[in-house]
Amino acid sequence: MEDLIKALQIFSKYGNPAYPTHCEHDVLWICGIYPKDVEEEDRLRLEELGFFVSGGSFQSFRFGSA
C-alpha cells in the first residue's frame, strides 16, 4: 500500500486529473499524466515502485491485479 501511495504522490506533482486511473486485464493505467512531462528522476523512482511506460502512459501490473 505504501508504494502505491508514494507513486500517487509523485504523479500528483504532474497534474490532478478528474479520473486518474483505469484498470482492466490486470493492468492499472494512470490517465492524464504523460511520461514525457515527468522528470527522469521521478520516472526512475516510479519504475522502482512498480510502474512502467507503455503506449504513452504509465501502467502497473503490480497494482493492477488482485
N, C-alpha and C. Protein backbone atom coordinates (compact mmCIF):
# COMPACT_ATOMS: atom_id res chain seq x y z
N MET A 1 0.83 -1.18 0.00
CA MET A 1 0.00 0.00 0.00
C MET A 1 0.88 1.26 0.00
N GLU A 2 1.94 1.24 0.79
CA GLU A 2 2.80 2.42 0.88
C GLU A 2 3.44 2.77 -0.46
N ASP A 3 3.84 1.76 -1.24
CA ASP A 3 4.46 2.04 -2.54
C ASP A 3 3.46 2.69 -3.50
N LEU A 4 2.22 2.25 -3.45
CA LEU A 4 1.20 2.86 -4.30
C LEU A 4 0.97 4.31 -3.90
N ILE A 5 0.92 4.58 -2.62
CA ILE A 5 0.74 5.96 -2.14
C ILE A 5 1.92 6.82 -2.56
N LYS A 6 3.13 6.30 -2.44
CA LYS A 6 4.32 7.06 -2.86
C LYS A 6 4.25 7.38 -4.36
N ALA A 7 3.84 6.38 -5.16
CA ALA A 7 3.74 6.60 -6.61
C ALA A 7 2.69 7.66 -6.91
N LEU A 8 1.54 7.59 -6.25
CA LEU A 8 0.49 8.57 -6.49
C LEU A 8 0.92 9.98 -6.09
N GLN A 9 1.74 10.08 -5.06
CA GLN A 9 2.27 11.39 -4.66
C GLN A 9 3.18 11.95 -5.74
N ILE A 10 3.97 11.10 -6.37
CA ILE A 10 4.82 11.56 -7.48
C ILE A 10 3.94 11.99 -8.65
N PHE A 11 2.96 11.18 -9.01
CA PHE A 11 2.07 11.54 -10.12
C PHE A 11 1.36 12.86 -9.84
N SER A 12 1.01 13.12 -8.59
CA SER A 12 0.27 14.35 -8.26
C SER A 12 1.09 15.61 -8.53
N LYS A 13 2.41 15.48 -8.62
CA LYS A 13 3.25 16.64 -8.95
C LYS A 13 3.04 17.09 -10.39
N TYR A 14 2.49 16.21 -11.22
CA TYR A 14 2.37 16.48 -12.65
C TYR A 14 0.94 16.68 -13.12
N GLY A 15 0.02 16.74 -12.20
CA GLY A 15 -1.35 17.01 -12.58
C GLY A 15 -2.33 16.44 -11.56
N ASN A 16 -3.58 16.81 -11.75
CA ASN A 16 -4.65 16.36 -10.87
C ASN A 16 -5.88 16.03 -11.72
N PRO A 17 -5.78 15.00 -12.58
CA PRO A 17 -6.89 14.68 -13.46
C PRO A 17 -8.13 14.24 -12.67
N ALA A 18 -9.29 14.53 -13.22
CA ALA A 18 -10.54 14.17 -12.55
C ALA A 18 -10.72 12.65 -12.45
N TYR A 19 -10.26 11.94 -13.46
CA TYR A 19 -10.36 10.47 -13.48
C TYR A 19 -8.95 9.91 -13.70
N PRO A 20 -8.17 9.76 -12.63
CA PRO A 20 -6.74 9.48 -12.78
C PRO A 20 -6.33 8.04 -13.05
N THR A 21 -7.24 7.09 -12.89
CA THR A 21 -6.85 5.70 -13.08
C THR A 21 -7.89 4.93 -13.90
N HIS A 22 -7.41 3.84 -14.48
CA HIS A 22 -8.27 2.90 -15.21
C HIS A 22 -7.64 1.53 -15.01
N CYS A 23 -8.44 0.53 -14.76
CA CYS A 23 -7.91 -0.81 -14.54
C CYS A 23 -8.67 -1.83 -15.39
N GLU A 24 -7.92 -2.64 -16.13
CA GLU A 24 -8.51 -3.74 -16.89
C GLU A 24 -7.44 -4.76 -17.20
N HIS A 25 -7.86 -6.01 -17.29
CA HIS A 25 -6.96 -7.11 -17.66
C HIS A 25 -5.67 -7.08 -16.84
N ASP A 26 -5.82 -6.89 -15.55
CA ASP A 26 -4.69 -6.92 -14.60
C ASP A 26 -3.68 -5.79 -14.79
N VAL A 27 -4.09 -4.70 -15.41
CA VAL A 27 -3.21 -3.55 -15.59
C VAL A 27 -3.88 -2.31 -15.03
N LEU A 28 -3.16 -1.60 -14.17
CA LEU A 28 -3.60 -0.29 -13.69
C LEU A 28 -2.98 0.76 -14.59
N TRP A 29 -3.79 1.61 -15.18
CA TRP A 29 -3.33 2.69 -16.05
C TRP A 29 -3.46 4.00 -15.30
N ILE A 30 -2.47 4.87 -15.45
CA ILE A 30 -2.55 6.23 -14.92
C ILE A 30 -2.96 7.12 -16.09
N CYS A 31 -4.06 7.81 -15.94
CA CYS A 31 -4.61 8.63 -17.02
C CYS A 31 -4.34 10.11 -16.77
N GLY A 32 -3.98 10.82 -17.82
CA GLY A 32 -3.80 12.26 -17.72
C GLY A 32 -2.44 12.73 -17.24
N ILE A 33 -1.54 11.79 -16.96
CA ILE A 33 -0.16 12.12 -16.60
C ILE A 33 0.71 11.49 -17.67
N TYR A 34 1.44 12.31 -18.43
CA TYR A 34 2.16 11.82 -19.59
C TYR A 34 3.65 11.66 -19.28
N PRO A 35 4.23 10.51 -19.63
CA PRO A 35 5.64 10.23 -19.33
C PRO A 35 6.60 11.32 -19.81
N LYS A 36 6.30 11.92 -20.95
CA LYS A 36 7.21 12.96 -21.48
C LYS A 36 7.28 14.18 -20.56
N ASP A 37 6.28 14.36 -19.71
CA ASP A 37 6.24 15.50 -18.80
C ASP A 37 6.88 15.21 -17.44
N VAL A 38 7.19 13.95 -17.18
CA VAL A 38 7.71 13.54 -15.87
C VAL A 38 9.23 13.55 -15.88
N GLU A 39 9.82 14.17 -14.88
CA GLU A 39 11.27 14.26 -14.78
C GLU A 39 11.90 12.87 -14.68
N GLU A 40 13.09 12.74 -15.24
CA GLU A 40 13.81 11.47 -15.28
C GLU A 40 13.92 10.82 -13.89
N GLU A 41 14.28 11.59 -12.89
CA GLU A 41 14.42 11.05 -11.53
C GLU A 41 13.10 10.44 -11.05
N ASP A 42 12.00 11.12 -11.31
CA ASP A 42 10.70 10.61 -10.90
C ASP A 42 10.31 9.37 -11.70
N ARG A 43 10.63 9.34 -12.99
CA ARG A 43 10.33 8.15 -13.80
C ARG A 43 11.07 6.93 -13.27
N LEU A 44 12.34 7.12 -12.89
CA LEU A 44 13.12 6.01 -12.34
C LEU A 44 12.53 5.54 -11.01
N ARG A 45 12.12 6.47 -10.18
CA ARG A 45 11.51 6.10 -8.89
C ARG A 45 10.18 5.37 -9.12
N LEU A 46 9.41 5.80 -10.09
CA LEU A 46 8.15 5.13 -10.40
C LEU A 46 8.40 3.69 -10.87
N GLU A 47 9.47 3.48 -11.61
CA GLU A 47 9.83 2.12 -12.02
C GLU A 47 10.12 1.26 -10.80
N GLU A 48 10.86 1.81 -9.84
CA GLU A 48 11.17 1.08 -8.61
C GLU A 48 9.89 0.73 -7.84
N LEU A 49 8.88 1.58 -7.97
CA LEU A 49 7.63 1.39 -7.24
C LEU A 49 6.64 0.49 -7.99
N GLY A 50 6.99 0.08 -9.21
CA GLY A 50 6.16 -0.88 -9.92
C GLY A 50 5.44 -0.36 -11.14
N PHE A 51 5.80 0.82 -11.64
CA PHE A 51 5.17 1.37 -12.83
C PHE A 51 6.13 1.36 -14.00
N PHE A 52 5.58 1.23 -15.20
CA PHE A 52 6.39 1.27 -16.42
C PHE A 52 5.64 2.09 -17.47
N VAL A 53 6.38 2.52 -18.49
CA VAL A 53 5.79 3.31 -19.56
C VAL A 53 5.49 2.39 -20.74
N SER A 54 4.26 2.49 -21.25
CA SER A 54 3.86 1.73 -22.42
C SER A 54 2.77 2.49 -23.14
N GLY A 55 2.91 2.62 -24.45
CA GLY A 55 1.89 3.28 -25.24
C GLY A 55 1.63 4.72 -24.83
N GLY A 56 2.64 5.41 -24.33
CA GLY A 56 2.48 6.81 -23.95
C GLY A 56 1.81 7.04 -22.61
N SER A 57 1.73 5.98 -21.78
CA SER A 57 1.14 6.15 -20.46
C SER A 57 1.88 5.30 -19.43
N PHE A 58 1.64 5.61 -18.17
CA PHE A 58 2.18 4.80 -17.09
C PHE A 58 1.22 3.67 -16.79
N GLN A 59 1.78 2.48 -16.57
CA GLN A 59 0.98 1.31 -16.26
C GLN A 59 1.66 0.49 -15.17
N SER A 60 0.89 -0.38 -14.53
CA SER A 60 1.45 -1.25 -13.50
C SER A 60 0.71 -2.57 -13.47
N PHE A 61 1.46 -3.66 -13.52
CA PHE A 61 0.89 -4.98 -13.29
C PHE A 61 0.80 -5.24 -11.78
N ARG A 62 1.74 -4.67 -11.05
CA ARG A 62 1.78 -4.89 -9.60
C ARG A 62 0.51 -4.42 -8.92
N PHE A 63 0.01 -3.27 -9.31
CA PHE A 63 -1.18 -2.70 -8.66
C PHE A 63 -2.45 -2.94 -9.46
N GLY A 64 -2.34 -3.62 -10.59
CA GLY A 64 -3.50 -3.83 -11.42
C GLY A 64 -4.15 -5.19 -11.27
N SER A 65 -3.51 -6.09 -10.54
CA SER A 65 -4.09 -7.41 -10.39
C SER A 65 -4.44 -7.68 -8.93
N ALA A 66 -5.36 -8.58 -8.74
CA ALA A 66 -5.80 -8.89 -7.38
C ALA A 66 -4.96 -9.96 -6.76
